[in-house]
Each structure stands twice: as C-alpha cells, then as structure tokens.
Amino acid sequence: MGKTAFVFPGQGAQSVGMGKDFYEAVPASRDIIDRADNALGFSLSSLMFEGPDSELKKTYNTQPALLTASTAALAALREKGITPDYVAGHSLGEYSALVASGVLSFEDAVAIVRARGEYMEAAVPGGQGAMAAVLGADRAALKELCRSITESGQLVELANINCPGQIVVSGSKEGVAAAGERVKEAGGKRAIPLEVSGPFHSSLMKEAALRLADKLGAVSFQEPSIPVVANVTARPAESAENIRGLLVEQVYSPVLWEDTVAYLIAEGVDTFVEIGPGNVLTGLIKKMDKTVKLINVNTLESLSESF
C-alpha cells in the first residue's frame, strides 16, 4: 500500500481571506486562529481575513499568517482521521510540518515565525538584496555560474531547488542581476525577479540565523511523532536537537525541495496532500512525477471534495 505525505507551503502562497471558511465552519480551526491572536497579542485573524494585502505581504506578518492558515486547515483535516506517513514543508512551511508532527507547540511556532520574519526583514537593508526564479537552467551549471559571480564580488547563491528547470537564486541585488543576465550560460531560458523583501536562503541571512538560534534555544522541542523531511538535508530529521540546528541552518541554506520530493517518492509516497493556501507545491510535484496523487486542502470546499 502506498504512503501519504502532508506538505505545507511557504511564503508567496498567502492571500487575503485565507482560513476564513475554516474559521467560520470548523471549531478546531477557529481554536487555532484564536490561539494565534492570543499568542501574538494582536488580531492576526483580521489581517488574514480582510488584509490589506500590502500588510499581509510583510514578511513578519506573512510567516505567522501562513503557519496559522495551514495549521487551521490541518485541524479540519485531522477531524477526518487522516494521518500521514511523512510531513515536509517548503521553507517557512517546515514550521507547519513541525507542528503537525508534534515537535513544536502551535503557540511556540507562531511566535518563532513572527520573530523569524522580523529577523529576516532586518538582516539586509531594503533594496540591497534580491531573489529571482531561473527557468530551464541545469542545476550544476547554475551553481557554478553563481560561484563565479560571487568570486567576482557580487554574491549570488542557489536558494530554492524547486523542481527540474525551476531554481530560485538569492543574494545581493547586483549578484542576482548578473546571474539573470548570464542565465543562458547555465542553459537557462530566463530569470524572473521575485517580489520579496530580502535575499532569503543566502549567506546574507546569517545574522538573522544567529538571532533565530537564540530564540530557538529558549523553546522546548519534542521528538517527532511523524518523520519530518528537512529542507537542508532532504532527509528525515533524526531528533529534536537535530531539528533545532537545522532550522537555524535553513535560514541561509538552499531549500532542497526537489530532493525532498524525490526522497519521499523513493520511500513509497504516492499521495501528496498540500495543506494550506494556494497550490504551489502540488504544481512543483506534478512537474517531477505525473503518476502520484495530488490533493489540495486550501479551502473547506476542497477538503469536502477530497475526503
């Protein structure tokens, strides 16, 4: 019998109105969203439900809002009695996966990602960093191109290995621009600049990682009840302590999403359930393997249709 993985989206999946249908119809989901408001000391729920979008897009708001919307959808799904064999999340989504596996309490997770967003936003002054999605490039060739641009004094690194032919680069504004201009050298078609507030998953985020390490040091981590496949290694994290270290590293290391999905499929996963706003991850997984079953739980309607 095939296995199931629950996967959770990261930054970019947010939209005004997310979680509202779950809040209104599912008491367990409402409880999660109310707990987020209490833990943060402000009405995250009204930002999620009503916006404005310009506020929701701010990293320190996006991160707790997405975690909350994903966990609220998870709470509704759990009422159907469905449990996964593995969990994983893309970047910020890893925190939703850690809540799903019992490693972090929801309250701790929402406070951590609020702080993580603040640290990431503060790490690099506005306008100095950038990210771009590179389409069609060979991974090894793009890595080499980034290395040579960085050696010339303009930092740029691989940030998200999303699926074959889609890799996000991150770094200084000049470095990312140079990689975009030279993308054909790595077999790429083009580079699309991303609307982000900083060069996430690059070594420019090391200061944010140090601040996050202090924050994580004060939080209790439990052993995972479900294997969590980590972004940094694309393998299940071995222990609570191991996870704490990986979360620090994750801030400035590439998200190995393609490798994570390949690992899960090799382990016998044939059903992926994306839990939370949007459908970015099921889109990426489909590009890797058209035979696996893909389910989205992003609205109450999608939950009713699928389960």
C-alpha atoms as a PDB file:
ATOM      1  CA  MET A   1       0.000   0.000   0.000  1.00  0.00           C
ATOM      2  CA  GLY A   2       1.260   3.477  -0.882  1.00  0.00           C
ATOM      3  CA  LYS A   3       2.220   6.091   1.648  1.00  0.00           C
ATOM      4  CA  THR A   4       0.972   9.635   2.193  1.00  0.00           C
ATOM      5  CA  ALA A   5       2.915  12.845   2.824  1.00  0.00           C
ATOM      6  CA  PHE A   6       1.433  16.083   4.116  1.00  0.00           C
ATOM      7  CA  VAL A   7       3.271  19.081   2.628  1.00  0.00           C
ATOM      8  CA  PHE A   8       2.963  22.713   3.689  1.00  0.00           C
ATOM      9  CA  PRO A   9       3.531  25.848   1.574  1.00  0.00           C
ATOM     10  CA  GLY A  10       5.934  28.711   2.249  1.00  0.00           C
ATOM     11  CA  GLN A  11       6.000  32.433   1.647  1.00  0.00           C
ATOM     12  CA  GLY A  12       4.268  33.547  -1.544  1.00  0.00           C
ATOM     13  CA  ALA A  13       1.213  31.303  -1.042  1.00  0.00           C
ATOM     14  CA  GLN A  14      -0.619  33.861   1.114  1.00  0.00           C
ATOM     15  CA  SER A  15      -3.815  35.623   0.039  1.00  0.00           C
ATOM     16  CA  VAL A  16      -6.327  37.850   1.795  1.00  0.00           C
ATOM     17  CA  GLY A  17      -9.264  35.758   3.019  1.00  0.00           C
ATOM     18  CA  MET A  18      -7.211  32.626   3.717  1.00  0.00           C
ATOM     19  CA  GLY A  19      -8.509  30.466   6.547  1.00  0.00           C
ATOM     20  CA  LYS A  20     -11.817  32.336   6.893  1.00  0.00           C
ATOM     21  CA  ASP A  21     -14.027  29.473   5.678  1.00  0.00           C
ATOM     22  CA  PHE A  22     -12.343  27.050   8.107  1.00  0.00           C
ATOM     23  CA  TYR A  23     -12.673  29.609  10.923  1.00  0.00           C
ATOM     24  CA  GLU A  24     -16.393  30.002  10.353  1.00  0.00           C
ATOM     25  CA  ALA A  25     -17.255  26.316   9.949  1.00  0.00           C
ATOM     26  CA  VAL A  26     -14.778  24.189  11.948  1.00  0.00           C
ATOM     27  CA  PRO A  27     -14.421  24.755  15.719  1.00  0.00           C
ATOM     28  CA  ALA A  28     -10.939  23.123  15.796  1.00  0.00           C
ATOM     29  CA  SER A  29      -9.754  25.523  13.081  1.00  0.00           C
ATOM     30  CA  ARG A  30     -11.298  28.503  14.868  1.00  0.00           C
ATOM     31  CA  ASP A  31      -9.444  27.472  18.013  1.00  0.00           C
ATOM     32  CA  ILE A  32      -6.084  27.541  16.158  1.00  0.00           C
ATOM     33  CA  ILE A  33      -6.703  31.009  14.717  1.00  0.00           C
ATOM     34  CA  ASP A  34      -7.903  32.388  18.065  1.00  0.00           C
ATOM     35  CA  ARG A  35      -4.777  30.952  19.712  1.00  0.00           C
ATOM     36  CA  ALA A  36      -2.613  32.768  17.139  1.00  0.00           C
ATOM     37  CA  ASP A  37      -4.259  36.086  18.024  1.00  0.00           C
ATOM     38  CA  ASN A  38      -3.694  35.421  21.732  1.00  0.00           C
ATOM     39  CA  ALA A  39      -0.082  34.271  21.312  1.00  0.00           C
ATOM     40  CA  LEU A  40       0.884  37.312  19.219  1.00  0.00           C
ATOM     41  CA  GLY A  41      -1.148  39.904  21.124  1.00  0.00           C
ATOM     42  CA  PHE A  42      -2.801  41.389  18.030  1.00  0.00           C
ATOM     43  CA  SER A  43      -5.525  40.380  15.580  1.00  0.00           C
ATOM     44  CA  LEU A  44      -3.640  38.286  13.033  1.00  0.00           C
ATOM     45  CA  SER A  45      -7.030  36.859  12.032  1.00  0.00           C
ATOM     46  CA  SER A  46      -8.345  40.212  10.774  1.00  0.00           C
ATOM     47  CA  LEU A  47      -5.161  40.649   8.719  1.00  0.00           C
ATOM     48  CA  MET A  48      -5.650  37.151   7.260  1.00  0.00           C
ATOM     49  CA  PHE A  49      -9.349  37.621   6.521  1.00  0.00           C
ATOM     50  CA  GLU A  50      -9.509  41.293   5.500  1.00  0.00           C
ATOM     51  CA  GLY A  51      -5.971  42.398   4.657  1.00  0.00           C
ATOM     52  CA  PRO A  52      -4.835  44.816   3.381  1.00  0.00           C
ATOM     53  CA  ASP A  53      -2.632  42.750   1.073  1.00  0.00           C
ATOM     54  CA  SER A  54       0.248  45.248   1.461  1.00  0.00           C
ATOM     55  CA  GLU A  55       0.358  44.458   5.217  1.00  0.00           C
ATOM     56  CA  LEU A  56      -0.111  40.717   4.760  1.00  0.00           C
ATOM     57  CA  LYS A  57       2.866  40.682   2.354  1.00  0.00           C
ATOM     58  CA  LYS A  58       5.268  41.971   5.027  1.00  0.00           C
ATOM     59  CA  THR A  59       7.491  39.043   5.956  1.00  0.00           C
ATOM     60  CA  TYR A  60       6.861  39.295   9.703  1.00  0.00           C
ATOM     61  CA  ASN A  61       3.094  39.132   9.033  1.00  0.00           C
ATOM     62  CA  THR A  62       3.166  36.616   6.166  1.00  0.00           C
ATOM     63  CA  GLN A  63       5.050  33.987   8.151  1.00  0.00           C
ATOM     64  CA  PRO A  64       2.705  33.688  11.168  1.00  0.00           C
ATOM     65  CA  ALA A  65      -0.349  34.122   8.915  1.00  0.00           C
ATOM     66  CA  LEU A  66       0.625  31.231   6.618  1.00  0.00           C
ATOM     67  CA  LEU A  67       1.555  28.972   9.522  1.00  0.00           C
ATOM     68  CA  THR A  68      -1.827  29.729  11.124  1.00  0.00           C
ATOM     69  CA  ALA A  69      -3.843  29.203   7.939  1.00  0.00           C
ATOM     70  CA  SER A  70      -2.040  25.902   7.248  1.00  0.00           C
ATOM     71  CA  THR A  71      -2.474  24.648  10.826  1.00  0.00           C
ATOM     72  CA  ALA A  72      -6.173  25.624  10.773  1.00  0.00           C
ATOM     73  CA  ALA A  73      -6.632  23.581   7.567  1.00  0.00           C
ATOM     74  CA  LEU A  74      -4.695  20.711   9.176  1.00  0.00           C
ATOM     75  CA  ALA A  75      -7.027  20.821  12.212  1.00  0.00           C
ATOM     76  CA  ALA A  76     -10.034  20.402   9.884  1.00  0.00           C
ATOM     77  CA  LEU A  77      -8.342  17.542   8.016  1.00  0.00           C
ATOM     78  CA  ARG A  78      -7.447  15.764  11.269  1.00  0.00           C
ATOM     79  CA  GLU A  79     -11.142  15.586  12.131  1.00  0.00           C
ATOM     80  CA  LYS A  80     -11.449  13.205   9.157  1.00  0.00           C
ATOM     81  CA  GLY A  81      -8.976  10.862  10.901  1.00  0.00           C
ATOM     82  CA  ILE A  82      -6.326  11.041   8.172  1.00  0.00           C
ATOM     83  CA  THR A  83      -2.706  10.688   9.281  1.00  0.00           C
ATOM     84  CA  PRO A  84       0.384  10.912   7.063  1.00  0.00           C
ATOM     85  CA  ASP A  85       3.500   8.734   6.909  1.00  0.00           C
ATOM     86  CA  TYR A  86       5.712  11.803   6.394  1.00  0.00           C
ATOM     87  CA  VAL A  87       5.473  15.583   6.676  1.00  0.00           C
ATOM     88  CA  ALA A  88       7.530  18.284   4.962  1.00  0.00           C
ATOM     89  CA  GLY A  89       7.226  21.996   4.291  1.00  0.00           C
ATOM     90  CA  HIS A  90       8.782  24.470   1.885  1.00  0.00           C
ATOM     91  CA  SER A  91      10.941  26.978   3.809  1.00  0.00           C
ATOM     92  CA  LEU A  92       8.517  28.610   6.258  1.00  0.00           C
ATOM     93  CA  GLY A  93       6.219  25.593   5.659  1.00  0.00           C
ATOM     94  CA  GLU A  94       8.695  23.446   7.597  1.00  0.00           C
ATOM     95  CA  TYR A  95       7.314  25.045  10.786  1.00  0.00           C
ATOM     96  CA  SER A  96       3.789  23.895   9.873  1.00  0.00           C
ATOM     97  CA  ALA A  97       5.230  20.399   9.354  1.00  0.00           C
ATOM     98  CA  LEU A  98       6.892  20.551  12.787  1.00  0.00           C
ATOM     99  CA  VAL A  99       3.577  21.493  14.409  1.00  0.00           C
ATOM    100  CA  ALA A 100       1.900  18.612  12.518  1.00  0.00           C
ATOM    101  CA  SER A 101       4.488  16.149  13.852  1.00  0.00           C
ATOM    102  CA  GLY A 102       4.275  17.446  17.424  1.00  0.00           C
ATOM    103  CA  VAL A 103       7.837  18.804  17.540  1.00  0.00           C
ATOM    104  CA  LEU A 104       6.683  22.365  18.312  1.00  0.00           C
ATOM    105  CA  SER A 105       3.549  23.575  20.037  1.00  0.00           C
ATOM    106  CA  PHE A 106       1.456  25.827  17.811  1.00  0.00           C
ATOM    107  CA  GLU A 107       1.912  28.793  20.187  1.00  0.00           C
ATOM    108  CA  ASP A 108       5.695  28.424  20.159  1.00  0.00           C
ATOM    109  CA  ALA A 109       5.772  28.013  16.373  1.00  0.00           C
ATOM    110  CA  VAL A 110       3.670  31.121  15.676  1.00  0.00           C
ATOM    111  CA  ALA A 111       5.829  33.257  17.991  1.00  0.00           C
ATOM    112  CA  ILE A 112       9.029  31.877  16.419  1.00  0.00           C
ATOM    113  CA  VAL A 113       7.979  32.577  12.829  1.00  0.00           C
ATOM    114  CA  ARG A 114       6.837  36.090  13.717  1.00  0.00           C
ATOM    115  CA  ALA A 115      10.346  36.714  15.104  1.00  0.00           C
ATOM    116  CA  ARG A 116      11.960  34.859  12.175  1.00  0.00           C
ATOM    117  CA  GLY A 117      10.165  37.211   9.780  1.00  0.00           C
ATOM    118  CA  GLU A 118      11.388  40.253  11.731  1.00  0.00           C
ATOM    119  CA  TYR A 119      14.984  38.963  11.813  1.00  0.00           C
ATOM    120  CA  MET A 120      14.958  38.164   8.079  1.00  0.00           C
ATOM    121  CA  GLU A 121      13.493  41.565   7.241  1.00  0.00           C
ATOM    122  CA  ALA A 122      16.124  43.345   9.376  1.00  0.00           C
ATOM    123  CA  ALA A 123      19.149  41.329   8.211  1.00  0.00           C
ATOM    124  CA  VAL A 124      19.710  43.210   4.948  1.00  0.00           C
ATOM    125  CA  PRO A 125      18.730  46.870   4.371  1.00  0.00           C
ATOM    126  CA  GLY A 126      15.854  47.274   1.893  1.00  0.00           C
ATOM    127  CA  GLY A 127      16.872  47.288  -1.755  1.00  0.00           C
ATOM    128  CA  GLN A 128      20.297  45.679  -1.202  1.00  0.00           C
ATOM    129  CA  GLY A 129      19.193  42.059  -1.653  1.00  0.00           C
ATOM    130  CA  ALA A 130      17.141  40.266  -4.304  1.00  0.00           C
ATOM    131  CA  MET A 131      15.835  36.908  -5.474  1.00  0.00           C
ATOM    132  CA  ALA A 132      14.940  35.616  -8.938  1.00  0.00           C
ATOM    133  CA  ALA A 133      13.401  32.419 -10.315  1.00  0.00           C
ATOM    134  CA  VAL A 134      15.602  30.909 -13.018  1.00  0.00           C
ATOM    135  CA  LEU A 135      13.787  28.745 -15.572  1.00  0.00           C
ATOM    136  CA  GLY A 136      15.319  25.930 -17.574  1.00  0.00           C
ATOM    137  CA  ALA A 137      18.851  26.021 -16.135  1.00  0.00           C
ATOM    138  CA  ASP A 138      20.969  22.998 -15.302  1.00  0.00           C
ATOM    139  CA  ARG A 139      21.435  22.851 -11.529  1.00  0.00           C
ATOM    140  CA  ALA A 140      25.172  22.137 -11.503  1.00  0.00           C
ATOM    141  CA  ALA A 141      25.862  24.722 -14.218  1.00  0.00           C
ATOM    142  CA  LEU A 142      23.812  27.386 -12.409  1.00  0.00           C
ATOM    143  CA  LYS A 143      25.635  26.650  -9.159  1.00  0.00           C
ATOM    144  CA  GLU A 144      28.950  27.113 -10.953  1.00  0.00           C
ATOM    145  CA  LEU A 145      27.773  30.358 -12.569  1.00  0.00           C
ATOM    146  CA  CYS A 146      26.700  31.693  -9.148  1.00  0.00           C
ATOM    147  CA  ARG A 147      30.081  30.703  -7.691  1.00  0.00           C
ATOM    148  CA  SER A 148      31.977  32.592 -10.378  1.00  0.00           C
ATOM    149  CA  ILE A 149      29.780  35.736  -9.995  1.00  0.00           C
ATOM    150  CA  THR A 150      30.213  35.587  -6.195  1.00  0.00           C
ATOM    151  CA  GLU A 151      34.008  35.291  -6.585  1.00  0.00           C
ATOM    152  CA  SER A 152      33.952  38.489  -8.653  1.00  0.00           C
ATOM    153  CA  GLY A 153      32.487  40.277  -5.609  1.00  0.00           C
ATOM    154  CA  GLN A 154      28.730  40.124  -6.265  1.00  0.00           C
ATOM    155  CA  LEU A 155      27.173  37.488  -4.007  1.00  0.00           C
ATOM    156  CA  VAL A 156      24.547  35.172  -5.515  1.00  0.00           C
ATOM    157  CA  GLU A 157      23.662  31.627  -4.459  1.00  0.00           C
ATOM    158  CA  LEU A 158      21.125  28.872  -5.123  1.00  0.00           C
ATOM    159  CA  ALA A 159      18.225  29.403  -2.696  1.00  0.00           C
ATOM    160  CA  ASN A 160      15.319  27.115  -3.649  1.00  0.00           C
ATOM    161  CA  ILE A 161      15.806  23.971  -5.740  1.00  0.00           C
ATOM    162  CA  ASN A 162      12.096  23.660  -6.515  1.00  0.00           C
ATOM    163  CA  CYS A 163      11.883  21.138  -9.347  1.00  0.00           C
ATOM    164  CA  PRO A 164      13.874  20.362 -12.511  1.00  0.00           C
ATOM    165  CA  GLY A 165      14.054  23.597 -14.509  1.00  0.00           C
ATOM    166  CA  GLN A 166      12.956  25.873 -11.672  1.00  0.00           C
ATOM    167  CA  ILE A 167      15.615  27.169  -9.293  1.00  0.00           C
ATOM    168  CA  VAL A 168      15.493  30.382  -7.271  1.00  0.00           C
ATOM    169  CA  VAL A 169      18.722  32.350  -6.775  1.00  0.00           C
ATOM    170  CA  SER A 170      19.293  34.812  -3.957  1.00  0.00           C
ATOM    171  CA  GLY A 171      21.922  37.325  -2.920  1.00  0.00           C
ATOM    172  CA  SER A 172      22.973  40.902  -3.467  1.00  0.00           C
ATOM    173  CA  LYS A 173      20.947  42.981  -5.927  1.00  0.00           C
ATOM    174  CA  GLU A 174      23.972  43.150  -8.267  1.00  0.00           C
ATOM    175  CA  GLY A 175      24.732  39.428  -7.960  1.00  0.00           C
ATOM    176  CA  VAL A 176      21.179  38.356  -8.751  1.00  0.00           C
ATOM    177  CA  ALA A 177      21.040  40.803 -11.693  1.00  0.00           C
ATOM    178  CA  ALA A 178      24.330  39.388 -13.049  1.00  0.00           C
ATOM    179  CA  ALA A 179      23.021  35.818 -12.772  1.00  0.00           C
ATOM    180  CA  GLY A 180      19.856  36.894 -14.600  1.00  0.00           C
ATOM    181  CA  GLU A 181      21.858  38.462 -17.424  1.00  0.00           C
ATOM    182  CA  ARG A 182      24.103  35.388 -17.809  1.00  0.00           C
ATOM    183  CA  VAL A 183      21.467  32.711 -17.226  1.00  0.00           C
ATOM    184  CA  LYS A 184      21.872  31.277 -20.764  1.00  0.00           C
ATOM    185  CA  GLU A 185      25.426  30.203 -19.823  1.00  0.00           C
ATOM    186  CA  ALA A 186      23.798  27.678 -17.471  1.00  0.00           C
ATOM    187  CA  GLY A 187      21.278  26.532 -20.083  1.00  0.00           C
ATOM    188  CA  GLY A 188      18.557  28.739 -18.597  1.00  0.00           C
ATOM    189  CA  LYS A 189      15.812  30.433 -20.582  1.00  0.00           C
ATOM    190  CA  ARG A 190      15.235  33.468 -18.361  1.00  0.00           C
ATOM    191  CA  ALA A 191      15.223  34.811 -14.823  1.00  0.00           C
ATOM    192  CA  ILE A 192      12.106  36.319 -13.249  1.00  0.00           C
ATOM    193  CA  PRO A 193      12.742  38.782 -10.390  1.00  0.00           C
ATOM    194  CA  LEU A 194      10.691  37.907  -7.296  1.00  0.00           C
ATOM    195  CA  GLU A 195       8.783  40.363  -5.133  1.00  0.00           C
ATOM    196  CA  VAL A 196      10.492  39.681  -1.813  1.00  0.00           C
ATOM    197  CA  SER A 197      11.775  41.871   0.978  1.00  0.00           C
ATOM    198  CA  GLY A 198      15.201  40.240   1.249  1.00  0.00           C
ATOM    199  CA  PRO A 199      17.725  37.700  -0.077  1.00  0.00           C
ATOM    200  CA  PHE A 200      16.284  34.682   1.755  1.00  0.00           C
ATOM    201  CA  HIS A 201      18.187  31.384   1.930  1.00  0.00           C
ATOM    202  CA  SER A 202      21.504  33.065   1.122  1.00  0.00           C
ATOM    203  CA  SER A 203      24.534  33.621   3.329  1.00  0.00           C
ATOM    204  CA  LEU A 204      23.415  37.269   3.686  1.00  0.00           C
ATOM    205  CA  MET A 205      20.863  35.837   6.162  1.00  0.00           C
ATOM    206  CA  LYS A 206      23.477  34.579   8.641  1.00  0.00           C
ATOM    207  CA  GLU A 207      22.816  37.440  11.070  1.00  0.00           C
ATOM    208  CA  ALA A 208      19.106  36.523  11.078  1.00  0.00           C
ATOM    209  CA  ALA A 209      20.087  32.886  11.700  1.00  0.00           C
ATOM    210  CA  LEU A 210      22.171  33.837  14.762  1.00  0.00           C
ATOM    211  CA  ARG A 211      19.250  35.773  16.230  1.00  0.00           C
ATOM    212  CA  LEU A 212      16.917  32.870  15.467  1.00  0.00           C
ATOM    213  CA  ALA A 213      19.312  30.445  17.207  1.00  0.00           C
ATOM    214  CA  ASP A 214      18.891  32.438  20.436  1.00  0.00           C
ATOM    215  CA  LYS A 215      15.108  32.396  20.066  1.00  0.00           C
ATOM    216  CA  LEU A 216      15.007  28.648  19.350  1.00  0.00           C
ATOM    217  CA  GLY A 217      17.297  27.955  22.306  1.00  0.00           C
ATOM    218  CA  ALA A 218      14.554  29.097  24.681  1.00  0.00           C
ATOM    219  CA  VAL A 219      11.855  26.842  23.167  1.00  0.00           C
ATOM    220  CA  SER A 220      11.001  23.245  24.026  1.00  0.00           C
ATOM    221  CA  PHE A 221      11.340  20.755  21.141  1.00  0.00           C
ATOM    222  CA  GLN A 222       9.715  17.285  21.297  1.00  0.00           C
ATOM    223  CA  GLU A 223      10.735  14.182  19.354  1.00  0.00           C
ATOM    224  CA  PRO A 224       8.787  13.978  16.050  1.00  0.00           C
ATOM    225  CA  SER A 225       5.782  11.637  16.092  1.00  0.00           C
ATOM    226  CA  ILE A 226       5.829  11.583  12.267  1.00  0.00           C
ATOM    227  CA  PRO A 227       9.086  11.776  10.252  1.00  0.00           C
ATOM    228  CA  VAL A 228       9.822  15.373   9.172  1.00  0.00           C
ATOM    229  CA  VAL A 229      11.881  15.645   5.982  1.00  0.00           C
ATOM    230  CA  ALA A 230      14.127  18.684   6.443  1.00  0.00           C
ATOM    231  CA  ASN A 231      14.777  21.361   3.788  1.00  0.00           C
ATOM    232  CA  VAL A 232      18.518  21.457   4.484  1.00  0.00           C
ATOM    233  CA  THR A 233      19.184  17.711   4.097  1.00  0.00           C
ATOM    234  CA  ALA A 234      16.130  16.355   2.208  1.00  0.00           C
ATOM    235  CA  ARG A 235      16.147  13.529   4.759  1.00  0.00           C
ATOM    236  CA  PRO A 236      14.122  12.914   7.932  1.00  0.00           C
ATOM    237  CA  ALA A 237      15.452  14.926  10.863  1.00  0.00           C
ATOM    238  CA  GLU A 238      16.785  12.479  13.435  1.00  0.00           C
ATOM    239  CA  SER A 239      15.940  14.134  16.741  1.00  0.00           C
ATOM    240  CA  ALA A 240      14.522  17.226  18.432  1.00  0.00           C
ATOM    241  CA  GLU A 241      18.034  18.648  18.900  1.00  0.00           C
ATOM    242  CA  ASN A 242      18.924  17.929  15.293  1.00  0.00           C
ATOM    243  CA  ILE A 243      15.790  19.842  14.170  1.00  0.00           C
ATOM    244  CA  ARG A 244      16.721  22.892  16.262  1.00  0.00           C
ATOM    245  CA  GLY A 245      20.092  23.129  14.475  1.00  0.00           C
ATOM    246  CA  LEU A 246      18.580  22.517  11.034  1.00  0.00           C
ATOM    247  CA  LEU A 247      16.086  25.369  11.493  1.00  0.00           C
ATOM    248  CA  VAL A 248      18.975  27.770  12.104  1.00  0.00           C
ATOM    249  CA  GLU A 249      20.859  26.480   9.052  1.00  0.00           C
ATOM    250  CA  GLN A 250      17.695  26.619   6.925  1.00  0.00           C
ATOM    251  CA  VAL A 251      17.624  30.453   7.077  1.00  0.00           C
ATOM    252  CA  TYR A 252      20.825  30.769   4.972  1.00  0.00           C
ATOM    253  CA  SER A 253      20.873  27.391   3.149  1.00  0.00           C
ATOM    254  CA  PRO A 254      19.109  26.265  -0.023  1.00  0.00           C
ATOM    255  CA  VAL A 255      15.673  24.654   0.269  1.00  0.00           C
ATOM    256  CA  LEU A 256      16.157  21.218  -1.312  1.00  0.00           C
ATOM    257  CA  TRP A 257      12.528  20.761  -2.345  1.00  0.00           C
ATOM    258  CA  GLU A 258      13.209  18.721  -5.494  1.00  0.00           C
ATOM    259  CA  ASP A 259      15.396  16.353  -3.438  1.00  0.00           C
ATOM    260  CA  THR A 260      12.758  16.169  -0.675  1.00  0.00           C
ATOM    261  CA  VAL A 261      10.046  15.096  -3.121  1.00  0.00           C
ATOM    262  CA  ALA A 262      12.409  12.597  -4.802  1.00  0.00           C
ATOM    263  CA  TYR A 263      13.234  11.110  -1.390  1.00  0.00           C
ATOM    264  CA  LEU A 264       9.547  10.775  -0.441  1.00  0.00           C
ATOM    265  CA  ILE A 265       8.662   9.109  -3.749  1.00  0.00           C
ATOM    266  CA  ALA A 266      11.611   6.705  -3.348  1.00  0.00           C
ATOM    267  CA  GLU A 267      10.255   5.854   0.126  1.00  0.00           C
ATOM    268  CA  GLY A 268       6.925   4.808  -1.386  1.00  0.00           C
ATOM    269  CA  VAL A 269       4.879   8.000  -1.069  1.00  0.00           C
ATOM    270  CA  ASP A 270       2.257   8.030  -3.824  1.00  0.00           C
ATOM    271  CA  THR A 271      -0.150  10.610  -2.343  1.00  0.00           C
ATOM    272  CA  PHE A 272       0.825  14.202  -1.521  1.00  0.00           C
ATOM    273  CA  VAL A 273      -1.636  16.385   0.372  1.00  0.00           C
ATOM    274  CA  GLU A 274      -0.787  20.103   0.235  1.00  0.00           C
ATOM    275  CA  ILE A 275      -2.304  21.727   3.312  1.00  0.00           C
ATOM    276  CA  GLY A 276      -2.676  25.490   3.382  1.00  0.00           C
ATOM    277  CA  PRO A 277      -3.208  28.387   0.975  1.00  0.00           C
ATOM    278  CA  GLY A 278      -2.517  28.071  -2.749  1.00  0.00           C
ATOM    279  CA  ASN A 279      -1.325  25.090  -4.786  1.00  0.00           C
ATOM    280  CA  VAL A 280       2.352  25.901  -5.431  1.00  0.00           C
ATOM    281  CA  LEU A 281       3.737  22.636  -4.067  1.00  0.00           C
ATOM    282  CA  THR A 282       1.356  20.312  -5.904  1.00  0.00           C
ATOM    283  CA  GLY A 283       2.323  22.201  -9.083  1.00  0.00           C
ATOM    284  CA  LEU A 284       6.022  21.549  -8.432  1.00  0.00           C
ATOM    285  CA  ILE A 285       5.455  17.886  -7.525  1.00  0.00           C
ATOM    286  CA  LYS A 286       3.418  17.349 -10.705  1.00  0.00           C
ATOM    287  CA  LYS A 287       6.392  18.549 -12.768  1.00  0.00           C
ATOM    288  CA  MET A 288       8.505  15.817 -11.157  1.00  0.00           C
ATOM    289  CA  ASP A 289       6.088  12.879 -11.248  1.00  0.00           C
ATOM    290  CA  LYS A 290       2.733  12.821 -13.013  1.00  0.00           C
ATOM    291  CA  THR A 291       1.770   9.428 -11.551  1.00  0.00           C
ATOM    292  CA  VAL A 292       1.436  10.446  -7.896  1.00  0.00           C
ATOM    293  CA  LYS A 293      -1.913  11.504  -6.461  1.00  0.00           C
ATOM    294  CA  LEU A 294      -2.058  15.207  -5.569  1.00  0.00           C
ATOM    295  CA  ILE A 295      -4.636  16.686  -3.208  1.00  0.00           C
ATOM    296  CA  ASN A 296      -5.048  20.313  -2.124  1.00  0.00           C
ATOM    297  CA  VAL A 297      -6.635  21.223   1.189  1.00  0.00           C
ATOM    298  CA  ASN A 298      -6.693  25.003   0.811  1.00  0.00           C
ATOM    299  CA  THR A 299     -10.407  25.681   1.320  1.00  0.00           C
ATOM    300  CA  LEU A 300     -13.253  23.985   3.164  1.00  0.00           C
ATOM    301  CA  GLU A 301     -14.740  23.062  -0.221  1.00  0.00           C
ATOM    302  CA  SER A 302     -11.521  21.354  -1.347  1.00  0.00           C
ATOM    303  CA  LEU A 303     -11.448  19.371   1.917  1.00  0.00           C
ATOM    304  CA  SER A 304     -15.056  18.195   1.439  1.00  0.00           C
ATOM    305  CA  GLU A 305     -14.395  17.215  -2.183  1.00  0.00           C
ATOM    306  CA  SER A 306     -11.201  15.269  -1.421  1.00  0.00           C
ATOM    307  CA  PHE A 307     -12.055  13.469   1.832  1.00  0.00           C
END
